[in-house]
PDB file of N, CA and C in Angstrom:
ATOM      1  N   ALA A   1     -57.544  33.486-155.951  1.00  0.00           N
ATOM      2  CA  ALA A   1     -58.081  34.839-156.114  1.00  0.00           C
ATOM      3  C   ALA A   1     -57.402  35.505-157.302  1.00  0.00           C
ATOM      4  N   LYS A   2     -58.241  36.136-158.132  1.00  0.00           N
ATOM      5  CA  LYS A   2     -57.693  36.832-159.303  1.00  0.00           C
ATOM      6  C   LYS A   2     -57.179  38.207-158.900  1.00  0.00           C
ATOM      7  N   SER A   3     -56.071  38.595-159.504  1.00  0.00           N
ATOM      8  CA  SER A   3     -55.584  39.955-159.259  1.00  0.00           C
ATOM      9  C   SER A   3     -56.177  40.870-160.327  1.00  0.00           C
ATOM     10  N   ALA A   4     -56.669  42.005-159.910  1.00  0.00           N
ATOM     11  CA  ALA A   4     -57.304  42.954-160.837  1.00  0.00           C
ATOM     12  C   ALA A   4     -56.227  43.687-161.629  1.00  0.00           C
ATOM     13  N   LYS A   5     -56.395  43.688-162.938  1.00  0.00           N
ATOM     14  CA  LYS A   5     -55.454  44.415-163.791  1.00  0.00           C
ATOM     15  C   LYS A   5     -55.989  45.824-164.027  1.00  0.00           C
ATOM     16  N   SER A   6     -55.097  46.787-163.947  1.00  0.00           N
ATOM     17  CA  SER A   6     -55.541  48.162-164.195  1.00  0.00           C
ATOM     18  C   SER A   6     -55.717  48.381-165.696  1.00  0.00           C
ATOM     19  N   ILE A   7     -56.662  49.223-166.020  1.00  0.00           N
ATOM     20  CA  ILE A   7     -56.917  49.536-167.421  1.00  0.00           C
ATOM     21  C   ILE A   7     -55.938  50.611-167.857  1.00  0.00           C
ATOM     22  N   SER A   8     -55.228  50.360-168.952  1.00  0.00           N
ATOM     23  CA  SER A   8     -54.267  51.349-169.438  1.00  0.00           C
ATOM     24  C   SER A   8     -54.501  51.604-170.920  1.00  0.00           C
ATOM     25  N   SER A   9     -54.061  52.744-171.352  1.00  0.00           N
ATOM     26  CA  SER A   9     -54.237  53.148-172.746  1.00  0.00           C
ATOM     27  C   SER A   9     -53.263  52.399-173.646  1.00  0.00           C
ATOM     28  N   PRO A  10     -53.697  52.015-174.847  1.00  0.00           N
ATOM     29  CA  PRO A  10     -52.764  51.380-175.791  1.00  0.00           C
ATOM     30  C   PRO A  10     -51.759  52.381-176.359  1.00  0.00           C
ATOM     31  N   VAL A  11     -52.027  53.680-176.155  1.00  0.00           N
ATOM     32  CA  VAL A  11     -51.145  54.746-176.646  1.00  0.00           C
ATOM     33  C   VAL A  11     -50.513  55.431-175.437  1.00  0.00           C
ATOM     34  N   PRO A  12     -49.203  55.646-175.447  1.00  0.00           N
ATOM     35  CA  PRO A  12     -48.576  56.341-174.311  1.00  0.00           C
ATOM     36  C   PRO A  12     -49.161  57.745-174.104  1.00  0.00           C
ATOM     37  N   ASP A  13     -49.292  58.133-172.845  1.00  0.00           N
ATOM     38  CA  ASP A  13     -49.881  59.430-172.516  1.00  0.00           C
ATOM     39  C   ASP A  13     -49.125  60.591-173.159  1.00  0.00           C
ATOM     40  N   ALA A  14     -47.822  60.451-173.299  1.00  0.00           N
ATOM     41  CA  ALA A  14     -47.008  61.537-173.850  1.00  0.00           C
ATOM     42  C   ALA A  14     -47.332  61.803-175.323  1.00  0.00           C
ATOM     43  N   TRP A  15     -47.935  60.845-175.996  1.00  0.00           N
ATOM     44  CA  TRP A  15     -48.251  61.017-177.427  1.00  0.00           C
ATOM     45  C   TRP A  15     -49.550  61.771-177.657  1.00  0.00           C
ATOM     46  N   TYR A  16     -50.379  61.952-176.623  1.00  0.00           N
ATOM     47  CA  TYR A  16     -51.697  62.566-176.812  1.00  0.00           C
ATOM     48  C   TYR A  16     -51.654  63.935-177.492  1.00  0.00           C
ATOM     49  N   PRO A  17     -50.828  64.877-177.029  1.00  0.00           N
ATOM     50  CA  PRO A  17     -50.826  66.192-177.693  1.00  0.00           C
ATOM     51  C   PRO A  17     -50.395  66.122-179.150  1.00  0.00           C
ATOM     52  N   THR A  18     -49.369  65.323-179.436  1.00  0.00           N
ATOM     53  CA  THR A  18     -48.885  65.200-180.814  1.00  0.00           C
ATOM     54  C   THR A  18     -49.935  64.563-181.709  1.00  0.00           C
ATOM     55  N   LEU A  19     -50.557  63.498-181.226  1.00  0.00           N
ATOM     56  CA  LEU A  19     -51.607  62.847-182.002  1.00  0.00           C
ATOM     57  C   LEU A  19     -52.772  63.794-182.243  1.00  0.00           C
ATOM     58  N   ALA A  20     -53.130  64.575-181.223  1.00  0.00           N
ATOM     59  CA  ALA A  20     -54.237  65.528-181.371  1.00  0.00           C
ATOM     60  C   ALA A  20     -53.923  66.539-182.467  1.00  0.00           C
ATOM     61  N   VAL A  21     -52.732  67.112-182.453  1.00  0.00           N
ATOM     62  CA  VAL A  21     -52.363  68.127-183.443  1.00  0.00           C
ATOM     63  C   VAL A  21     -52.350  67.530-184.843  1.00  0.00           C
ATOM     64  N   PHE A  22     -51.698  66.393-185.005  1.00  0.00           N
ATOM     65  CA  PHE A  22     -51.595  65.800-186.339  1.00  0.00           C
ATOM     66  C   PHE A  22     -52.955  65.360-186.881  1.00  0.00           C
ATOM     67  N   MET A  23     -53.746  64.711-186.056  1.00  0.00           N
ATOM     68  CA  MET A  23     -55.032  64.215-186.540  1.00  0.00           C
ATOM     69  C   MET A  23     -55.999  65.353-186.836  1.00  0.00           C
ATOM     70  N   LEU A  24     -56.026  66.377-185.977  1.00  0.00           N
ATOM     71  CA  LEU A  24     -56.891  67.518-186.257  1.00  0.00           C
ATOM     72  C   LEU A  24     -56.435  68.268-187.498  1.00  0.00           C
ATOM     73  N   THR A  25     -55.130  68.383-187.687  1.00  0.00           N
ATOM     74  CA  THR A  25     -54.607  69.049-188.884  1.00  0.00           C
ATOM     75  C   THR A  25     -55.010  68.292-190.142  1.00  0.00           C
ATOM     76  N   ILE A  26     -54.819  66.983-190.135  1.00  0.00           N
ATOM     77  CA  ILE A  26     -55.196  66.173-191.297  1.00  0.00           C
ATOM     78  C   ILE A  26     -56.706  66.270-191.536  1.00  0.00           C
ATOM     79  N   GLY A  27     -57.490  66.187-190.478  1.00  0.00           N
ATOM     80  CA  GLY A  27     -58.938  66.288-190.607  1.00  0.00           C
ATOM     81  C   GLY A  27     -59.385  67.618-191.178  1.00  0.00           C
ATOM     82  N   LEU A  28     -58.772  68.704-190.730  1.00  0.00           N
ATOM     83  CA  LEU A  28     -59.140  70.027-191.246  1.00  0.00           C
ATOM     84  C   LEU A  28     -58.709  70.208-192.699  1.00  0.00           C
ATOM     85  N   VAL A  29     -57.559  69.654-193.073  1.00  0.00           N
ATOM     86  CA  VAL A  29     -57.110  69.733-194.468  1.00  0.00           C
ATOM     87  C   VAL A  29     -58.064  68.952-195.374  1.00  0.00           C
ATOM     88  N   VAL A  30     -58.466  67.765-194.949  1.00  0.00           N
ATOM     89  CA  VAL A  30     -59.396  66.965-195.751  1.00  0.00           C
ATOM     90  C   VAL A  30     -60.759  67.660-195.826  1.00  0.00           C
ATOM     91  N   THR A  31     -61.186  68.269-194.721  1.00  0.00           N
ATOM     92  CA  THR A  31     -62.438  69.019-194.728  1.00  0.00           C
ATOM     93  C   THR A  31     -62.356  70.193-195.694  1.00  0.00           C
ATOM     94  N   ALA A  32     -61.233  70.905-195.675  1.00  0.00           N
ATOM     95  CA  ALA A  32     -61.048  72.030-196.593  1.00  0.00           C
ATOM     96  C   ALA A  32     -61.071  71.560-198.042  1.00  0.00           C
ATOM     97  N   SER A  33     -60.425  70.422-198.320  1.00  0.00           N
ATOM     98  CA  SER A  33     -60.431  69.910-199.690  1.00  0.00           C
ATOM     99  C   SER A  33     -61.845  69.515-200.116  1.00  0.00           C
ATOM    100  N   PHE A  34     -62.641  69.012-199.156  1.00  0.00           N
ATOM    101  CA  PHE A  34     -64.031  68.683-199.450  1.00  0.00           C
ATOM    102  C   PHE A  34     -64.809  69.929-199.847  1.00  0.00           C
ATOM    103  N   PHE A  35     -64.664  71.002-199.072  1.00  0.00           N
ATOM    104  CA  PHE A  35     -65.383  72.239-199.384  1.00  0.00           C
ATOM    105  C   PHE A  35     -64.907  72.839-200.699  1.00  0.00           C
ATOM    106  N   ILE A  36     -63.616  72.770-200.973  1.00  0.00           N
ATOM    107  CA  ILE A  36     -63.093  73.276-202.241  1.00  0.00           C
ATOM    108  C   ILE A  36     -63.653  72.464-203.406  1.00  0.00           C
ATOM    109  N   TYR A  37     -63.710  71.146-203.232  1.00  0.00           N
ATOM    110  CA  TYR A  37     -64.285  70.277-204.274  1.00  0.00           C
ATOM    111  C   TYR A  37     -65.739  70.638-204.537  1.00  0.00           C
ATOM    112  N   GLU A  38     -66.495  70.847-203.463  1.00  0.00           N
ATOM    113  CA  GLU A  38     -67.916  71.183-203.612  1.00  0.00           C
ATOM    114  C   GLU A  38     -68.099  72.536-204.295  1.00  0.00           C
ATOM    115  N   ALA A  39     -67.246  73.487-203.982  1.00  0.00           N
ATOM    116  CA  ALA A  39     -67.409  74.846-204.499  1.00  0.00           C
ATOM    117  C   ALA A  39     -66.934  74.986-205.939  1.00  0.00           C
ATOM    118  N   THR A  40     -65.957  74.173-206.339  1.00  0.00           N
ATOM    119  CA  THR A  40     -65.342  74.373-207.661  1.00  0.00           C
ATOM    120  C   THR A  40     -65.821  73.389-208.722  1.00  0.00           C
ATOM    121  N   SER A  41     -66.447  72.271-208.313  1.00  0.00           N
ATOM    122  CA  SER A  41     -66.884  71.307-209.325  1.00  0.00           C
ATOM    123  C   SER A  41     -68.327  71.596-209.734  1.00  0.00           C
ATOM    124  N   LEU A  42     -68.615  71.337-210.986  1.00  0.00           N
ATOM    125  CA  LEU A  42     -69.977  71.525-211.475  1.00  0.00           C
ATOM    126  C   LEU A  42     -70.873  70.430-210.894  1.00  0.00           C
ATOM    127  N   ARG A  43     -72.145  70.759-210.711  1.00  0.00           N
ATOM    128  CA  ARG A  43     -73.064  69.811-210.082  1.00  0.00           C
ATOM    129  C   ARG A  43     -73.134  68.487-210.861  1.00  0.00           C
ATOM    130  N   LYS A  44     -73.114  68.555-212.169  1.00  0.00           N
ATOM    131  CA  LYS A  44     -73.236  67.324-212.963  1.00  0.00           C
ATOM    132  C   LYS A  44     -71.955  66.487-212.967  1.00  0.00           C
ATOM    133  N   ASN A  45     -70.829  67.095-212.576  1.00  0.00           N
ATOM    134  CA  ASN A  45     -69.555  66.376-212.595  1.00  0.00           C
ATOM    135  C   ASN A  45     -69.163  65.802-211.236  1.00  0.00           C
ATOM    136  N   ARG A  46     -69.976  66.024-210.213  1.00  0.00           N
ATOM    137  CA  ARG A  46     -69.632  65.541-208.883  1.00  0.00           C
ATOM    138  C   ARG A  46     -69.827  64.031-208.773  1.00  0.00           C
ATOM    139  N   CYS A  47     -69.008  63.437-207.900  1.00  0.00           N
ATOM    140  CA  CYS A  47     -69.062  61.986-207.677  1.00  0.00           C
ATOM    141  C   CYS A  47     -69.461  61.724-206.225  1.00  0.00           C
ATOM    142  N   LEU A  48     -70.604  61.062-206.039  1.00  0.00           N
ATOM    143  CA  LEU A  48     -71.098  60.809-204.680  1.00  0.00           C
ATOM    144  C   LEU A  48     -70.120  59.969-203.876  1.00  0.00           C
ATOM    145  N   ALA A  49     -69.495  58.974-204.501  1.00  0.00           N
ATOM    146  CA  ALA A  49     -68.550  58.116-203.789  1.00  0.00           C
ATOM    147  C   ALA A  49     -67.367  58.934-203.269  1.00  0.00           C
ATOM    148  N   LYS A  50     -66.876  59.868-204.084  1.00  0.00           N
ATOM    149  CA  LYS A  50     -65.753  60.709-203.650  1.00  0.00           C
ATOM    150  C   LYS A  50     -66.179  61.608-202.490  1.00  0.00           C
ATOM    151  N   GLU A  51     -67.389  62.145-202.557  1.00  0.00           N
ATOM    152  CA  GLU A  51     -67.876  63.007-201.481  1.00  0.00           C
ATOM    153  C   GLU A  51     -68.010  62.221-200.182  1.00  0.00           C
ATOM    154  N   LEU A  52     -68.597  61.029-200.254  1.00  0.00           N
ATOM    155  CA  LEU A  52     -68.786  60.213-199.051  1.00  0.00           C
ATOM    156  C   LEU A  52     -67.453  59.754-198.466  1.00  0.00           C
ATOM    157  N   THR A  53     -66.530  59.368-199.348  1.00  0.00           N
ATOM    158  CA  THR A  53     -65.212  58.932-198.879  1.00  0.00           C
ATOM    159  C   THR A  53     -64.475  60.075-198.200  1.00  0.00           C
ATOM    160  N   THR A  54     -64.462  61.233-198.842  1.00  0.00           N
ATOM    161  CA  THR A  54     -63.769  62.389-198.265  1.00  0.00           C
ATOM    162  C   THR A  54     -64.400  62.791-196.936  1.00  0.00           C
ATOM    163  N   GLY A  55     -65.718  62.796-196.885  1.00  0.00           N
ATOM    164  CA  GLY A  55     -66.405  63.131-195.646  1.00  0.00           C
ATOM    165  C   GLY A  55     -66.121  62.140-194.534  1.00  0.00           C
ATOM    166  N   ALA A  56     -66.090  60.858-194.867  1.00  0.00           N
ATOM    167  CA  ALA A  56     -65.824  59.826-193.862  1.00  0.00           C
ATOM    168  C   ALA A  56     -64.393  59.931-193.325  1.00  0.00           C
ATOM    169  N   VAL A  57     -63.428  60.157-194.213  1.00  0.00           N
ATOM    170  CA  VAL A  57     -62.031  60.287-193.786  1.00  0.00           C
ATOM    171  C   VAL A  57     -61.870  61.505-192.882  1.00  0.00           C
ATOM    172  N   ALA A  58     -62.469  62.628-193.289  1.00  0.00           N
ATOM    173  CA  ALA A  58     -62.388  63.840-192.470  1.00  0.00           C
ATOM    174  C   ALA A  58     -63.034  63.606-191.107  1.00  0.00           C
ATOM    175  N   SER A  59     -64.171  62.930-191.099  1.00  0.00           N
ATOM    176  CA  SER A  59     -64.882  62.666-189.853  1.00  0.00           C
ATOM    177  C   SER A  59     -64.057  61.798-188.903  1.00  0.00           C
ATOM    178  N   VAL A  60     -63.416  60.774-189.430  1.00  0.00           N
ATOM    179  CA  VAL A  60     -62.608  59.887-188.595  1.00  0.00           C
ATOM    180  C   VAL A  60     -61.433  60.650-187.983  1.00  0.00           C
ATOM    181  N   PHE A  61     -60.717  61.420-188.818  1.00  0.00           N
ATOM    182  CA  PHE A  61     -59.566  62.155-188.297  1.00  0.00           C
ATOM    183  C   PHE A  61     -59.981  63.229-187.303  1.00  0.00           C
ATOM    184  N   LEU A  62     -61.068  63.956-187.578  1.00  0.00           N
ATOM    185  CA  LEU A  62     -61.529  64.985-186.633  1.00  0.00           C
ATOM    186  C   LEU A  62     -62.040  64.348-185.340  1.00  0.00           C
ATOM    187  N   GLY A  63     -62.675  63.188-185.456  1.00  0.00           N
ATOM    188  CA  GLY A  63     -63.171  62.505-184.264  1.00  0.00           C
ATOM    189  C   GLY A  63     -62.050  62.037-183.355  1.00  0.00           C
ATOM    190  N   PHE A  64     -61.067  61.340-183.928  1.00  0.00           N
ATOM    191  CA  PHE A  64     -59.952  60.875-183.114  1.00  0.00           C
ATOM    192  C   PHE A  64     -59.082  62.036-182.649  1.00  0.00           C
ATOM    193  N   GLY A  65     -58.936  63.064-183.479  1.00  0.00           N
ATOM    194  CA  GLY A  65     -58.191  64.250-183.062  1.00  0.00           C
ATOM    195  C   GLY A  65     -58.839  64.920-181.868  1.00  0.00           C
ATOM    196  N   SER A  66     -60.167  65.008-181.888  1.00  0.00           N
ATOM    197  CA  SER A  66     -60.889  65.597-180.756  1.00  0.00           C
ATOM    198  C   SER A  66     -60.734  64.731-179.504  1.00  0.00           C
ATOM    199  N   LEU A  67     -60.788  63.419-179.672  1.00  0.00           N
ATOM    200  CA  LEU A  67     -60.599  62.507-178.547  1.00  0.00           C
ATOM    201  C   LEU A  67     -59.239  62.724-177.893  1.00  0.00           C
ATOM    202  N   PHE A  68     -58.182  62.761-178.702  1.00  0.00           N
ATOM    203  CA  PHE A  68     -56.842  62.941-178.141  1.00  0.00           C
ATOM    204  C   PHE A  68     -56.646  64.340-177.573  1.00  0.00           C
ATOM    205  N   LEU A  69     -57.321  65.341-178.138  1.00  0.00           N
ATOM    206  CA  LEU A  69     -57.259  66.680-177.575  1.00  0.00           C
ATOM    207  C   LEU A  69     -57.887  66.697-176.175  1.00  0.00           C
ATOM    208  N   LEU A  70     -59.032  66.035-176.034  1.00  0.00           N
ATOM    209  CA  LEU A  70     -59.669  65.951-174.714  1.00  0.00           C
ATOM    210  C   LEU A  70     -58.775  65.187-173.718  1.00  0.00           C
ATOM    211  N   LEU A  71     -58.189  64.080-174.170  1.00  0.00           N
ATOM    212  CA  LEU A  71     -57.316  63.309-173.281  1.00  0.00           C
ATOM    213  C   LEU A  71     -56.072  64.111-172.906  1.00  0.00           C
ATOM    214  N   ALA A  72     -55.510  64.844-173.870  1.00  0.00           N
ATOM    215  CA  ALA A  72     -54.292  65.622-173.586  1.00  0.00           C
ATOM    216  C   ALA A  72     -54.587  66.757-172.609  1.00  0.00           C
ATOM    217  N   SER A  73     -55.810  67.276-172.632  1.00  0.00           N
ATOM    218  CA  SER A  73     -56.137  68.390-171.733  1.00  0.00           C
ATOM    219  C   SER A  73     -56.679  67.917-170.385  1.00  0.00           C
ATOM    220  N   GLY A  74     -56.689  66.600-170.161  1.00  0.00           N
ATOM    221  CA  GLY A  74     -57.047  66.085-168.852  1.00  0.00           C
ATOM    222  C   GLY A  74     -58.495  65.661-168.698  1.00  0.00           C
ATOM    223  N   VAL A  75     -59.263  65.684-169.764  1.00  0.00           N
ATOM    224  CA  VAL A  75     -60.652  65.220-169.711  1.00  0.00           C
ATOM    225  C   VAL A  75     -60.650  63.748-170.105  1.00  0.00           C
ATOM    226  N   TYR A  76     -60.887  62.866-169.153  1.00  0.00           N
ATOM    227  CA  TYR A  76     -60.817  61.438-169.443  1.00  0.00           C
ATOM    228  C   TYR A  76     -62.181  60.935-169.882  1.00  0.00           C
ATOM    229  N   VAL A  77     -62.263  60.555-171.129  1.00  0.00           N
ATOM    230  CA  VAL A  77     -63.535  60.138-171.726  1.00  0.00           C
ATOM    231  C   VAL A  77     -63.535  58.642-171.988  1.00  0.00           C
TER     232      VAL A  77
END
């Protein structure tokens, strides 16, 4: 008979609040830099690759930051 293994997080529970704060902070800073880039650069001088890269990085950090915020506040997703 196989013994059932419990599912556990690869990240210790105590790290959730810290990870949430750091990742959300980084995500918001990258988002702010994206908006500043859009507002201050001329339309003809913009680079689509830079916009997509910045948006993707911000999205990843905000996504994982939101995940850890939910986990830290007791919402198990």
